[in-house]
């Protein structure tokens, strides 16, 4: 999950874990771009308004 609002990220992480998902959280576009290339993920919850790089920029970097 990529979310820069710490409070929201904690709540989402808790709820997703309760639903049985393994969850990693990063809070900015730079870390998200790196993680997307280094760690395989089945799904990503991606905030569009992030510090460093927007969610759309991160998504584009993962696709190419």
Protein backbone atom coordinates (compact mmCIF):
# COMPACT_ATOMS: atom_id res chain seq x y z
CA UNK A 1 0.00 0.00 0.00
CA UNK A 2 1.21 3.47 -0.86
CA UNK A 3 -0.34 6.14 1.34
CA UNK A 4 1.24 9.28 2.80
CA UNK A 5 -1.50 9.91 5.39
CA UNK A 6 -0.13 7.91 8.32
CA UNK A 7 -3.43 7.63 10.15
CA UNK A 8 -5.28 6.39 7.07
CA UNK A 9 -2.45 3.97 6.22
CA UNK A 10 -2.57 2.46 9.73
CA UNK A 11 -6.34 1.94 9.57
CA UNK A 12 -6.20 0.41 6.09
CA UNK A 13 -3.29 -1.83 7.05
CA UNK A 14 -5.17 -3.06 10.13
CA UNK A 15 -8.35 -3.77 8.18
CA UNK A 16 -6.53 -5.52 5.33
CA UNK A 17 -4.56 -7.69 7.75
CA UNK A 18 -7.77 -8.63 9.56
CA UNK A 19 -9.11 -9.72 6.17
CA UNK A 20 -6.11 -12.02 5.77
CA UNK A 21 -3.82 -9.97 3.53
CA UNK A 22 -0.10 -9.41 4.01
CA UNK A 23 0.48 -5.65 3.83
CA UNK A 24 3.60 -3.54 3.31
CA UNK A 25 3.20 0.23 3.53
CA UNK A 26 5.31 3.02 2.05
CA UNK A 27 4.51 6.71 2.31
CA UNK A 28 6.02 8.39 -0.75
CA UNK A 29 6.39 7.96 -4.48
CA UNK A 30 10.13 7.36 -4.42
CA UNK A 31 9.89 4.42 -2.05
CA UNK A 32 6.84 3.11 -3.90
CA UNK A 33 8.65 3.09 -7.24
CA UNK A 34 11.57 1.20 -5.69
CA UNK A 35 9.36 -1.35 -3.90
CA UNK A 36 7.31 -1.95 -7.04
CA UNK A 37 10.44 -2.97 -8.90
CA UNK A 38 12.01 -4.99 -6.07
CA UNK A 39 9.09 -6.75 -4.35
CA UNK A 40 6.42 -8.72 -6.23
CA UNK A 41 2.86 -7.78 -5.23
CA UNK A 42 -0.48 -9.37 -5.97
CA UNK A 43 -2.26 -6.03 -5.66
CA UNK A 44 -1.43 -2.43 -4.78
CA UNK A 45 -3.51 0.28 -3.15
CA UNK A 46 -1.90 3.40 -4.63
CA UNK A 47 -2.60 6.98 -3.55
CA UNK A 48 -2.37 9.39 -6.48
CA UNK A 49 -1.29 12.45 -4.46
CA UNK A 50 2.08 11.48 -3.00
CA UNK A 51 5.25 13.32 -2.01
CA UNK A 52 8.29 12.97 -4.32
CA UNK A 53 6.44 11.31 -7.24
CA UNK A 54 2.72 11.17 -7.99
CA UNK A 55 0.91 7.85 -7.95
CA UNK A 56 0.50 8.07 -11.73
CA UNK A 57 4.25 8.55 -12.18
CA UNK A 58 4.88 5.54 -9.95
CA UNK A 59 2.40 3.43 -11.92
CA UNK A 60 4.01 4.44 -15.21
CA UNK A 61 7.45 3.48 -13.88
CA UNK A 62 6.17 0.03 -12.94
CA UNK A 63 4.66 -0.55 -16.37
CA UNK A 64 7.87 0.18 -18.32
